[in-house]
C-alpha atoms as a PDB file:
ATOM      1  CA  MET A   1     242.327 127.909  22.706  1.00  0.00           C
ATOM      2  CA  ASN A   2     241.680 131.090  24.175  1.00  0.00           C
ATOM      3  CA  ASN A   3     243.367 132.534  26.941  1.00  0.00           C
ATOM      4  CA  GLN A   4     240.309 131.496  29.345  1.00  0.00           C
ATOM      5  CA  MET A   5     240.435 128.043  28.217  1.00  0.00           C
ATOM      6  CA  MET A   6     243.864 127.618  28.902  1.00  0.00           C
ATOM      7  CA  ASN A   7     243.389 129.425  32.212  1.00  0.00           C
ATOM      8  CA  ARG A   8     240.815 126.712  33.640  1.00  0.00           C
ATOM      9  CA  LEU A   9     242.778 124.051  32.284  1.00  0.00           C
ATOM     10  CA  LEU A  10     246.146 125.178  34.610  1.00  0.00           C
ATOM     11  CA  PHE A  11     243.735 125.583  36.964  1.00  0.00           C
ATOM     12  CA  PHE A  12     242.310 122.374  36.672  1.00  0.00           C
ATOM     13  CA  THR A  13     245.486 120.270  36.411  1.00  0.00           C
ATOM     14  CA  ILE A  14     246.814 121.942  39.782  1.00  0.00           C
ATOM     15  CA  CYS A  15     244.126 121.207  41.487  1.00  0.00           C
ATOM     16  CA  CYS A  16     244.633 117.505  40.471  1.00  0.00           C
ATOM     17  CA  ILE A  17     248.499 117.786  41.722  1.00  0.00           C
ATOM     18  CA  MET A  18     247.576 118.958  45.122  1.00  0.00           C
ATOM     19  CA  CYS A  19     245.142 116.647  45.643  1.00  0.00           C
ATOM     20  CA  VAL A  20     247.930 113.501  44.410  1.00  0.00           C
ATOM     21  CA  GLY A  21     249.971 115.237  46.646  1.00  0.00           C
ATOM     22  CA  LEU A  22     247.736 115.513  50.410  1.00  0.00           C
ATOM     23  CA  PHE A  23     246.849 111.705  49.675  1.00  0.00           C
ATOM     24  CA  SER A  24     250.564 111.018  49.329  1.00  0.00           C
ATOM     25  CA  CYS A  25     251.344 112.561  52.415  1.00  0.00           C
ATOM     26  CA  GLN A  26     248.486 111.305  54.269  1.00  0.00           C
ATOM     27  CA  LYS A  27     249.520 107.648  53.619  1.00  0.00           C
ATOM     28  CA  ASP A  28     252.595 108.396  54.997  1.00  0.00           C
ATOM     29  CA  LEU A  29     251.148 109.676  57.903  1.00  0.00           C
ATOM     30  CA  GLU A  30     248.851 106.394  58.600  1.00  0.00           C
ATOM     31  CA  ILE A  31     252.012 103.864  58.253  1.00  0.00           C
ATOM     32  CA  LEU A  32     254.047 106.062  60.978  1.00  0.00           C
ATOM     33  CA  VAL A  33     251.067 105.884  63.428  1.00  0.00           C
ATOM     34  CA  PRO A  34     253.364 104.064  66.415  1.00  0.00           C
ATOM     35  CA  ASP A  35     251.903 101.049  67.946  1.00  0.00           C
ATOM     36  CA  ASN A  36     251.187 101.546  71.979  1.00  0.00           C
ATOM     37  CA  ILE A  37     250.809  98.084  72.960  1.00  0.00           C
ATOM     38  CA  GLN A  38     254.446  97.607  71.237  1.00  0.00           C
ATOM     39  CA  LEU A  39     255.504 100.629  72.945  1.00  0.00           C
ATOM     40  CA  ASN A  40     254.660  99.591  76.533  1.00  0.00           C
ATOM     41  CA  GLY A  41     256.177  96.488  76.082  1.00  0.00           C
ATOM     42  CA  PRO A  42     254.689  93.079  77.353  1.00  0.00           C
ATOM     43  CA  ASP A  43     252.599  93.034  80.331  1.00  0.00           C
ATOM     44  CA  THR A  44     253.693  91.212  83.212  1.00  0.00           C
ATOM     45  CA  THR A  45     251.595  91.925  85.844  1.00  0.00           C
ATOM     46  CA  TRP A  46     250.029  89.104  88.119  1.00  0.00           C
ATOM     47  CA  TYR A  47     246.517  89.859  89.978  1.00  0.00           C
ATOM     48  CA  THR A  48     245.257  88.315  93.351  1.00  0.00           C
ATOM     49  CA  THR A  49     241.822  88.618  91.672  1.00  0.00           C
ATOM     50  CA  THR A  50     240.347  86.587  88.574  1.00  0.00           C
ATOM     51  CA  THR A  51     238.492  89.203  86.796  1.00  0.00           C
ATOM     52  CA  GLU A  52     235.669  88.524  83.912  1.00  0.00           C
ATOM     53  CA  ASN A  53     237.847  90.969  81.600  1.00  0.00           C
ATOM     54  CA  MET A  54     241.542  88.693  81.909  1.00  0.00           C
ATOM     55  CA  SER A  55     242.849  86.899  78.691  1.00  0.00           C
ATOM     56  CA  ALA A  56     242.754  83.910  80.801  1.00  0.00           C
ATOM     57  CA  VAL A  57     239.025  83.883  81.313  1.00  0.00           C
ATOM     58  CA  ALA A  58     238.412  84.351  77.676  1.00  0.00           C
ATOM     59  CA  LEU A  59     240.881  81.605  76.771  1.00  0.00           C
ATOM     60  CA  LYS A  60     239.129  79.447  78.939  1.00  0.00           C
ATOM     61  CA  HIS A  61     235.767  80.342  77.493  1.00  0.00           C
ATOM     62  CA  ASP A  62     237.336  79.915  73.378  1.00  0.00           C
ATOM     63  CA  ILE A  63     238.696  76.290  74.245  1.00  0.00           C
ATOM     64  CA  GLN A  64     235.732  74.847  75.657  1.00  0.00           C
ATOM     65  CA  ASP A  65     233.429  72.592  73.442  1.00  0.00           C
ATOM     66  CA  ALA A  66     229.465  73.281  73.014  1.00  0.00           C
ATOM     67  CA  PHE A  67     227.078  71.581  75.073  1.00  0.00           C
ATOM     68  CA  ASP A  68     224.376  69.142  73.938  1.00  0.00           C
ATOM     69  CA  ILE A  69     220.847  70.743  73.220  1.00  0.00           C
ATOM     70  CA  ASP A  70     218.114  68.546  73.320  1.00  0.00           C
ATOM     71  CA  THR A  71     214.327  69.902  73.340  1.00  0.00           C
ATOM     72  CA  VAL A  72     212.262  67.056  75.318  1.00  0.00           C
ATOM     73  CA  SER A  73     208.556  67.275  76.354  1.00  0.00           C
ATOM     74  CA  LEU A  74     207.684  66.442  80.214  1.00  0.00           C
ATOM     75  CA  ASN A  75     203.722  64.776  80.877  1.00  0.00           C
ATOM     76  CA  GLY A  76     202.244  65.548  84.363  1.00  0.00           C
ATOM     77  CA  GLY A  77     201.977  61.969  84.989  1.00  0.00           C
ATOM     78  CA  THR A  78     204.454  60.175  82.485  1.00  0.00           C
ATOM     79  CA  GLY A  79     208.683  59.464  82.971  1.00  0.00           C
ATOM     80  CA  LEU A  80     210.657  60.387  80.221  1.00  0.00           C
ATOM     81  CA  SER A  81     213.791  58.673  78.737  1.00  0.00           C
ATOM     82  CA  PHE A  82     215.725  60.238  76.172  1.00  0.00           C
ATOM     83  CA  ILE A  83     219.532  59.980  74.479  1.00  0.00           C
ATOM     84  CA  THR A  84     221.805  63.110  73.937  1.00  0.00           C
ATOM     85  CA  ASP A  85     224.392  63.113  71.023  1.00  0.00           C
ATOM     86  CA  SER A  86     227.159  62.312  73.757  1.00  0.00           C
ATOM     87  CA  GLU A  87     225.270  58.962  74.592  1.00  0.00           C
ATOM     88  CA  LEU A  88     223.825  60.004  77.898  1.00  0.00           C
ATOM     89  CA  HIS A  89     220.704  58.250  78.774  1.00  0.00           C
ATOM     90  CA  PHE A  90     218.301  60.217  80.654  1.00  0.00           C
ATOM     91  CA  SER A  91     215.621  58.401  82.763  1.00  0.00           C
ATOM     92  CA  ILE A  92     212.977  61.344  84.700  1.00  0.00           C
ATOM     93  CA  ASN A  93     210.230  59.867  86.567  1.00  0.00           C
ATOM     94  CA  PRO A  94     207.247  62.150  86.834  1.00  0.00           C
ATOM     95  CA  GLY A  95     207.084  64.746  89.106  1.00  0.00           C
ATOM     96  CA  SER A  96     210.672  65.334  89.639  1.00  0.00           C
ATOM     97  CA  ILE A  97     211.401  68.802  87.736  1.00  0.00           C
ATOM     98  CA  ILE A  98     210.523  71.352  89.379  1.00  0.00           C
ATOM     99  CA  THR A  99     210.174  76.081  88.535  1.00  0.00           C
ATOM    100  CA  GLY A 100     212.134  78.085  90.468  1.00  0.00           C
ATOM    101  CA  SER A 101     208.905  78.990  92.216  1.00  0.00           C
ATOM    102  CA  GLY A 102     208.534  75.147  93.824  1.00  0.00           C
ATOM    103  CA  TYR A 103     205.904  73.696  91.178  1.00  0.00           C
ATOM    104  CA  VAL A 104     206.350  70.736  89.277  1.00  0.00           C
ATOM    105  CA  TYR A 105     206.907  71.315  85.695  1.00  0.00           C
ATOM    106  CA  PHE A 106     205.818  69.678  83.077  1.00  0.00           C
ATOM    107  CA  GLY A 107     205.462  70.864  79.085  1.00  0.00           C
ATOM    108  CA  ASN A 108     208.101  71.243  76.171  1.00  0.00           C
ATOM    109  CA  MET A 109     211.798  71.620  78.206  1.00  0.00           C
ATOM    110  CA  ILE A 110     215.410  72.810  77.122  1.00  0.00           C
ATOM    111  CA  VAL A 111     218.346  70.122  78.097  1.00  0.00           C
ATOM    112  CA  LYS A 112     222.096  71.087  78.171  1.00  0.00           C
ATOM    113  CA  SER A 113     224.122  68.118  79.024  1.00  0.00           C
ATOM    114  CA  MET A 114     227.783  67.431  77.753  1.00  0.00           C
ATOM    115  CA  SER A 115     230.086  64.097  78.636  1.00  0.00           C
ATOM    116  CA  ALA A 116     233.676  64.488  79.336  1.00  0.00           C
ATOM    117  CA  ASN A 117     234.378  61.558  80.489  1.00  0.00           C
ATOM    118  CA  SER A 118     238.005  61.660  78.903  1.00  0.00           C
ATOM    119  CA  ILE A 119     241.545  63.444  79.921  1.00  0.00           C
ATOM    120  CA  GLY A 120     241.011  65.918  76.688  1.00  0.00           C
ATOM    121  CA  LYS A 121     237.276  66.785  77.258  1.00  0.00           C
ATOM    122  CA  SER A 122     238.006  67.189  80.968  1.00  0.00           C
ATOM    123  CA  ALA A 123     241.189  69.245  79.657  1.00  0.00           C
ATOM    124  CA  LEU A 124     238.928  71.549  77.561  1.00  0.00           C
ATOM    125  CA  MET A 125     236.342  71.805  80.029  1.00  0.00           C
ATOM    126  CA  MET A 126     238.830  72.685  82.456  1.00  0.00           C
ATOM    127  CA  LYS A 127     237.520  70.245  85.378  1.00  0.00           C
ATOM    128  CA  GLN A 128     240.412  69.375  87.444  1.00  0.00           C
ATOM    129  CA  SER A 129     241.062  65.971  89.087  1.00  0.00           C
ATOM    130  CA  LEU A 130     241.011  67.187  92.985  1.00  0.00           C
ATOM    131  CA  SER A 131     238.509  66.959  95.554  1.00  0.00           C
ATOM    132  CA  ASN A 132     238.037  70.416  97.299  1.00  0.00           C
ATOM    133  CA  THR A 133     240.142  68.630 100.270  1.00  0.00           C
ATOM    134  CA  GLY A 134     242.797  68.441  97.848  1.00  0.00           C
ATOM    135  CA  HIS A 135     242.824  64.445  97.064  1.00  0.00           C
ATOM    136  CA  LEU A 136     243.400  63.158  93.586  1.00  0.00           C
ATOM    137  CA  LEU A 137     240.672  61.432  92.254  1.00  0.00           C
ATOM    138  CA  SER A 138     240.455  58.331  89.914  1.00  0.00           C
ATOM    139  CA  LEU A 139     238.243  59.618  87.567  1.00  0.00           C
ATOM    140  CA  GLY A 140     235.176  57.215  86.936  1.00  0.00           C
ATOM    141  CA  GLY A 141     232.725  59.877  84.750  1.00  0.00           C
ATOM    142  CA  THR A 142     232.125  63.804  84.966  1.00  0.00           C
ATOM    143  CA  PHE A 143     229.149  65.102  82.868  1.00  0.00           C
ATOM    144  CA  PHE A 144     227.018  67.742  83.179  1.00  0.00           C
ATOM    145  CA  VAL A 145     223.304  68.596  82.520  1.00  0.00           C
ATOM    146  CA  ALA A 146     220.770  71.629  83.391  1.00  0.00           C
ATOM    147  CA  PHE A 147     217.121  72.013  82.523  1.00  0.00           C
ATOM    148  CA  TYR A 148     215.533  75.162  81.113  1.00  0.00           C
ATOM    149  CA  ASN A 149     211.713  76.321  80.173  1.00  0.00           C
ATOM    150  CA  MET A 150     211.471  77.300  76.455  1.00  0.00           C
ATOM    151  CA  ASN A 151     211.477  80.975  78.288  1.00  0.00           C
ATOM    152  CA  ASN A 152     215.185  79.758  79.192  1.00  0.00           C
ATOM    153  CA  GLU A 153     214.461  80.055  83.036  1.00  0.00           C
ATOM    154  CA  GLU A 154     216.371  77.268  84.889  1.00  0.00           C
ATOM    155  CA  LEU A 155     214.337  74.121  86.125  1.00  0.00           C
ATOM    156  CA  PHE A 156     215.349  72.315  89.350  1.00  0.00           C
ATOM    157  CA  ILE A 157     215.181  68.572  90.408  1.00  0.00           C
ATOM    158  CA  ALA A 158     212.370  68.222  93.482  1.00  0.00           C
ATOM    159  CA  PRO A 159     213.574  67.488  96.700  1.00  0.00           C
ATOM    160  CA  ASN A 160     213.576  64.299  97.875  1.00  0.00           C
ATOM    161  CA  ASN A 161     214.248  63.537  94.336  1.00  0.00           C
ATOM    162  CA  ASN A 162     216.973  62.132  91.287  1.00  0.00           C
ATOM    163  CA  ILE A 163     217.063  61.560  87.678  1.00  0.00           C
ATOM    164  CA  SER A 164     219.056  58.714  86.221  1.00  0.00           C
ATOM    165  CA  VAL A 165     221.986  59.013  83.930  1.00  0.00           C
ATOM    166  CA  ARG A 166     223.522  56.044  81.998  1.00  0.00           C
ATOM    167  CA  TYR A 167     226.996  56.144  80.402  1.00  0.00           C
ATOM    168  CA  GLN A 168     229.583  53.867  79.040  1.00  0.00           C
ATOM    169  CA  SER A 169     232.948  53.741  80.336  1.00  0.00           C
ATOM    170  CA  ASP A 170     235.884  51.827  81.034  1.00  0.00           C
ATOM    171  CA  ASN A 171     237.276  53.837  83.900  1.00  0.00           C
ATOM    172  CA  SER A 172     235.384  51.229  86.532  1.00  0.00           C
ATOM    173  CA  ILE A 173     236.763  51.756  89.673  1.00  0.00           C
ATOM    174  CA  VAL A 174     235.742  50.429  92.903  1.00  0.00           C
ATOM    175  CA  GLY A 175     233.947  52.415  95.496  1.00  0.00           C
ATOM    176  CA  MET A 176     232.881  55.618  93.244  1.00  0.00           C
ATOM    177  CA  LYS A 177     230.662  58.061  94.904  1.00  0.00           C
ATOM    178  CA  ILE A 178     229.450  61.302  93.142  1.00  0.00           C
ATOM    179  CA  PHE A 179     230.658  64.848  93.708  1.00  0.00           C
ATOM    180  CA  GLU A 180     229.522  67.818  92.773  1.00  0.00           C
ATOM    181  CA  GLU A 181     231.426  70.846  91.551  1.00  0.00           C
ATOM    182  CA  ASN A 182     233.246  73.583  94.214  1.00  0.00           C
ATOM    183  CA  GLN A 183     233.984  76.720  92.001  1.00  0.00           C
ATOM    184  CA  ILE A 184     237.138  78.348  93.000  1.00  0.00           C
ATOM    185  CA  ASP A 185     237.061  81.053  91.143  1.00  0.00           C
ATOM    186  CA  LEU A 186     236.050  82.473  87.653  1.00  0.00           C
ATOM    187  CA  LEU A 187     239.050  79.601  86.134  1.00  0.00           C
ATOM    188  CA  TYR A 188     239.462  76.564  88.510  1.00  0.00           C
ATOM    189  CA  SER A 189     237.093  74.525  90.426  1.00  0.00           C
ATOM    190  CA  ASN A 190     237.332  71.147  92.356  1.00  0.00           C
ATOM    191  CA  TRP A 191     235.152  68.814  93.589  1.00  0.00           C
ATOM    192  CA  ARG A 192     233.018  68.345  96.856  1.00  0.00           C
ATOM    193  CA  GLN A 193     231.761  65.073  97.756  1.00  0.00           C
ATOM    194  CA  SER A 194     227.479  65.190  97.738  1.00  0.00           C
ATOM    195  CA  ALA A 195     226.273  64.518 101.211  1.00  0.00           C
ATOM    196  CA  ASP A 196     223.358  63.121 100.418  1.00  0.00           C
ATOM    197  CA  SER A 197     224.542  59.280  99.427  1.00  0.00           C
ATOM    198  CA  ILE A 198     220.647  58.450  99.437  1.00  0.00           C
ATOM    199  CA  GLN A 199     219.696  60.580  96.370  1.00  0.00           C
ATOM    200  CA  ASN A 200     223.226  60.471  94.977  1.00  0.00           C
ATOM    201  CA  ASN A 201     225.084  57.214  94.062  1.00  0.00           C
ATOM    202  CA  ILE A 202     226.498  54.995  91.765  1.00  0.00           C
ATOM    203  CA  THR A 203     226.452  51.311  90.357  1.00  0.00           C
ATOM    204  CA  VAL A 204     228.027  49.606  87.517  1.00  0.00           C
ATOM    205  CA  SER A 205     227.689  46.849  85.573  1.00  0.00           C
ATOM    206  CA  ASP A 206     230.621  45.449  82.985  1.00  0.00           C
ATOM    207  CA  SER A 207     231.056  48.882  81.228  1.00  0.00           C
ATOM    208  CA  ASN A 208     227.475  50.754  82.261  1.00  0.00           C
ATOM    209  CA  HIS A 209     227.652  53.227  85.055  1.00  0.00           C
ATOM    210  CA  TYR A 210     224.213  54.061  86.187  1.00  0.00           C
ATOM    211  CA  VAL A 211     224.335  57.648  88.353  1.00  0.00           C
ATOM    212  CA  HIS A 212     221.569  58.794  89.980  1.00  0.00           C
ATOM    213  CA  PHE A 213     221.956  62.197  91.402  1.00  0.00           C
ATOM    214  CA  ASN A 214     219.646  65.190  92.544  1.00  0.00           C
ATOM    215  CA  HIS A 215     221.509  68.139  91.590  1.00  0.00           C
ATOM    216  CA  THR A 216     221.804  69.995  88.068  1.00  0.00           C
ATOM    217  CA  GLY A 217     225.242  71.298  86.898  1.00  0.00           C
ATOM    218  CA  TRP A 218     228.871  69.278  86.444  1.00  0.00           C
ATOM    219  CA  VAL A 219     228.827  65.704  88.322  1.00  0.00           C
ATOM    220  CA  ASN A 220     231.821  63.542  88.927  1.00  0.00           C
ATOM    221  CA  CYS A 221     231.834  60.003  89.668  1.00  0.00           C
ATOM    222  CA  SER A 222     235.471  59.036  91.321  1.00  0.00           C
ATOM    223  CA  THR A 223     237.026  57.793  93.808  1.00  0.00           C
ATOM    224  CA  GLU A 224     239.632  59.686  96.878  1.00  0.00           C
ATOM    225  CA  ASP A 225     242.446  57.050  95.957  1.00  0.00           C
ATOM    226  CA  PHE A 226     245.224  58.111  98.159  1.00  0.00           C
ATOM    227  CA  TYR A 227     248.103  57.196  95.991  1.00  0.00           C
ATOM    228  CA  ASN A 228     251.716  56.278  97.397  1.00  0.00           C
ATOM    229  CA  ASN A 229     255.011  58.184  96.947  1.00  0.00           C
ATOM    230  CA  GLN A 230     252.617  61.621  96.589  1.00  0.00           C
ATOM    231  CA  GLN A 231     256.550  63.618  96.700  1.00  0.00           C
ATOM    232  CA  ALA A 232     256.442  65.476  93.722  1.00  0.00           C
ATOM    233  CA  LYS A 233     255.813  69.239  93.499  1.00  0.00           C
ATOM    234  CA  ILE A 234     256.035  70.965  90.120  1.00  0.00           C
ATOM    235  CA  SER A 235     256.521  74.540  89.220  1.00  0.00           C
ATOM    236  CA  LEU A 236     257.019  75.821  86.167  1.00  0.00           C
ATOM    237  CA  ASP A 237     259.441  78.365  84.523  1.00  0.00           C
ATOM    238  CA  LEU A 238     257.935  80.563  81.578  1.00  0.00           C
ATOM    239  CA  PRO A 239     258.729  83.963  79.904  1.00  0.00           C
ATOM    240  CA  ALA A 240     257.717  86.829  82.257  1.00  0.00           C
ATOM    241  CA  ASN A 241     254.409  88.008  80.478  1.00  0.00           C
ATOM    242  CA  TYR A 242     253.060  84.641  80.910  1.00  0.00           C
ATOM    243  CA  THR A 243     250.927  85.544  83.826  1.00  0.00           C
ATOM    244  CA  ASN A 244     247.981  84.332  85.561  1.00  0.00           C
ATOM    245  CA  ALA A 245     246.100  86.854  83.806  1.00  0.00           C
ATOM    246  CA  ASN A 246     246.740  85.483  80.352  1.00  0.00           C
ATOM    247  CA  THR A 247     247.937  82.030  81.063  1.00  0.00           C
ATOM    248  CA  ILE A 248     246.329  78.829  81.820  1.00  0.00           C
ATOM    249  CA  ALA A 249     248.613  75.382  83.218  1.00  0.00           C
ATOM    250  CA  PHE A 250     248.013  72.167  83.885  1.00  0.00           C
ATOM    251  CA  LEU A 251     249.249  68.849  83.900  1.00  0.00           C
ATOM    252  CA  SER A 252     247.966  65.232  83.320  1.00  0.00           C
ATOM    253  CA  PHE A 253     248.275  61.808  83.991  1.00  0.00           C
ATOM    254  CA  GLU A 254     247.317  59.077  81.437  1.00  0.00           C
ATOM    255  CA  ASP A 255     247.478  56.094  83.287  1.00  0.00           C
ATOM    256  CA  LEU A 256     245.782  57.774  86.458  1.00  0.00           C
ATOM    257  CA  LYS A 257     243.145  59.236  83.890  1.00  0.00           C
ATOM    258  CA  ALA A 258     243.490  62.882  86.043  1.00  0.00           C
ATOM    259  CA  VAL A 259     244.541  66.466  85.127  1.00  0.00           C
ATOM    260  CA  ILE A 260     245.727  68.730  87.334  1.00  0.00           C
ATOM    261  CA  ASN A 261     245.692  72.676  87.338  1.00  0.00           C
ATOM    262  CA  PHE A 262     248.368  74.440  88.280  1.00  0.00           C
ATOM    263  CA  ASP A 263     247.970  77.076  90.796  1.00  0.00           C
ATOM    264  CA  ALA A 264     249.267  80.952  90.408  1.00  0.00           C
ATOM    265  CA  ASP A 265     251.725  81.791  93.110  1.00  0.00           C
ATOM    266  CA  VAL A 266     250.850  85.943  92.856  1.00  0.00           C
ATOM    267  CA  SER A 267     253.846  86.703  95.218  1.00  0.00           C
ATOM    268  CA  GLY A 268     256.253  84.288  93.887  1.00  0.00           C
ATOM    269  CA  ARG A 269     255.252  84.857  89.836  1.00  0.00           C
ATOM    270  CA  ILE A 270     255.145  81.716  89.139  1.00  0.00           C
ATOM    271  CA  PHE A 271     252.639  78.343  88.576  1.00  0.00           C
ATOM    272  CA  LYS A 272     253.085  75.443  90.641  1.00  0.00           C
ATOM    273  CA  THR A 273     251.492  71.912  92.006  1.00  0.00           C
ATOM    274  CA  GLY A 274     250.757  70.837  95.419  1.00  0.00           C
ATOM    275  CA  PHE A 275     251.829  67.137  96.216  1.00  0.00           C
ATOM    276  CA  LEU A 276     251.811  64.843  93.242  1.00  0.00           C
ATOM    277  CA  PRO A 277     252.834  61.028  92.458  1.00  0.00           C
ATOM    278  CA  ALA A 278     255.728  60.954  91.473  1.00  0.00           C
ATOM    279  CA  GLY A 279     257.697  58.572  88.871  1.00  0.00           C
ATOM    280  CA  ARG A 280     254.878  59.083  86.934  1.00  0.00           C
ATOM    281  CA  GLN A 281     254.429  59.691  83.241  1.00  0.00           C
ATOM    282  CA  ALA A 282     252.574  62.859  82.658  1.00  0.00           C
ATOM    283  CA  VAL A 283     252.422  65.772  80.237  1.00  0.00           C
ATOM    284  CA  VAL A 284     252.738  69.714  81.163  1.00  0.00           C
ATOM    285  CA  THR A 285     250.265  71.858  78.936  1.00  0.00           C
ATOM    286  CA  VAL A 286     250.655  75.416  78.720  1.00  0.00           C
ATOM    287  CA  ILE A 287     248.098  77.599  76.703  1.00  0.00           C
ATOM    288  CA  SER A 288     247.824  81.652  76.378  1.00  0.00           C
ATOM    289  CA  LYS A 289     245.967  83.864  74.975  1.00  0.00           C
ATOM    290  CA  GLN A 290     247.867  87.232  74.395  1.00  0.00           C
ATOM    291  CA  GLY A 291     246.963  90.617  72.244  1.00  0.00           C
ATOM    292  CA  GLY A 292     244.294  88.312  70.481  1.00  0.00           C
ATOM    293  CA  TYR A 293     246.779  85.867  69.470  1.00  0.00           C
ATOM    294  CA  TYR A 294     246.570  82.329  71.263  1.00  0.00           C
ATOM    295  CA  TYR A 295     250.396  80.436  72.227  1.00  0.00           C
ATOM    296  CA  MET A 296     250.969  76.838  73.486  1.00  0.00           C
ATOM    297  CA  SER A 297     253.564  74.248  74.362  1.00  0.00           C
ATOM    298  CA  GLN A 298     254.068  71.085  75.924  1.00  0.00           C
ATOM    299  CA  LYS A 299     256.250  68.657  77.500  1.00  0.00           C
ATOM    300  CA  ASP A 300     256.615  64.882  78.699  1.00  0.00           C
ATOM    301  CA  ILE A 301     258.203  64.712  82.076  1.00  0.00           C
ATOM    302  CA  THR A 302     258.397  61.928  85.042  1.00  0.00           C
ATOM    303  CA  THR A 303     257.929  63.335  87.654  1.00  0.00           C
ATOM    304  CA  SER A 304     260.467  63.513  90.740  1.00  0.00           C
ATOM    305  CA  SER A 305     260.139  62.662  94.197  1.00  0.00           C
ATOM    306  CA  ILE A 306     262.239  66.049  95.345  1.00  0.00           C
ATOM    307  CA  ALA A 307     259.646  67.241  97.109  1.00  0.00           C
ATOM    308  CA  THR A 308     260.819  64.810 100.095  1.00  0.00           C
ATOM    309  CA  SER A 309     263.617  68.126 100.310  1.00  0.00           C
ATOM    310  CA  GLY A 310     261.147  70.718  99.922  1.00  0.00           C
ATOM    311  CA  GLY A 311     261.704  71.440  96.227  1.00  0.00           C
ATOM    312  CA  TYR A 312     260.246  72.317  93.475  1.00  0.00           C
ATOM    313  CA  GLN A 313     260.511  70.124  90.266  1.00  0.00           C
ATOM    314  CA  VAL A 314     261.520  73.151  87.961  1.00  0.00           C
ATOM    315  CA  ILE A 315     259.806  72.265  84.194  1.00  0.00           C
ATOM    316  CA  SER A 316     260.916  75.624  82.096  1.00  0.00           C
ATOM    317  CA  LEU A 317     258.600  75.854  78.489  1.00  0.00           C
ATOM    318  CA  THR A 318     258.437  78.684  76.081  1.00  0.00           C
ATOM    319  CA  PRO A 319     255.371  78.751  74.257  1.00  0.00           C
ATOM    320  CA  VAL A 320     254.915  79.551  70.532  1.00  0.00           C
ATOM    321  CA  ILE A 321     251.864  80.765  68.375  1.00  0.00           C
ATOM    322  CA  SER A 322     249.395  78.531  67.406  1.00  0.00           C
ATOM    323  CA  SER A 323     245.767  78.588  65.963  1.00  0.00           C
ATOM    324  CA  LEU A 324     242.881  77.944  68.169  1.00  0.00           C
ATOM    325  CA  THR A 325     242.091  74.956  66.005  1.00  0.00           C
ATOM    326  CA  ASP A 326     245.335  72.996  66.521  1.00  0.00           C
ATOM    327  CA  LEU A 327     245.413  74.226  70.244  1.00  0.00           C
ATOM    328  CA  LYS A 328     241.586  72.983  70.770  1.00  0.00           C
ATOM    329  CA  TYR A 329     243.487  69.409  68.714  1.00  0.00           C
ATOM    330  CA  SER A 330     246.209  68.609  71.267  1.00  0.00           C
ATOM    331  CA  LEU A 331     243.855  69.086  74.405  1.00  0.00           C
ATOM    332  CA  ARG A 332     241.741  67.133  72.909  1.00  0.00           C
ATOM    333  CA  ASP A 333     244.153  64.433  72.083  1.00  0.00           C
ATOM    334  CA  LEU A 334     245.145  64.288  75.598  1.00  0.00           C
END
């Protein structure tokens, strides 16, 4: 081998050694990049206003079940009856569906609906059992309906008209009335009684509930029961990084068929309730989304009458990491 060839081989060998060294150094540099989130520590900030970019709002959307989607056809002079996957039996009279401009609509129509006639479903959809005046509601049935044309433009129920829904439920309560959803913020809502009792009413025969209503959106069929011994108030003792920006908490009563959200006391940096029935078995649930991970904790309690002395029954929980599937399963099983 002549000198020229030996020089080329030596040059190639040196280049290979240098490349291996450079790649090794680059790998070490990547491993040593610091985790900025870890250096900043957990976020313990509470906020007076709920915004779309908060993890709690993302968590609400993550846990919710999908709506039933049906496509039906409205003829000009003919009524329409159909059944959704969640066993809601709809009856729509001719001319009762209109466009946003007030014209009677006919043709193909998209129906988005859902039945939420259980504690678990109410928890997943975050539909608490409180009126807008703070009274505990006895759940007789909750459902959602919205109508759209094929361009996904919303349709409405015509003035002085209503539509009907029939569903089956064992929650047959005397004196039920129709309530409309009253949105509080991006996370929470309660229920406002419908002002028009002529177009909004319910009758019950055995387990069949016949509901007539004149508005789209969420509908609640309940009665405002004034439960005796409402002397319980509850607050939560959670790790500092569980705030109203990333955490949702609620309490559920199996015997009352009720779900109550914990309110965020921003100045006190705690979650707490208003007055609740005392001496009742309940389940406290805390769910959270932080750094892309889900956390959950549940605790069986008996509500105490400690509120008679102005205090709160303090419940301590430390949520643990959970999968979204397990989290939803636990809520659905309430």
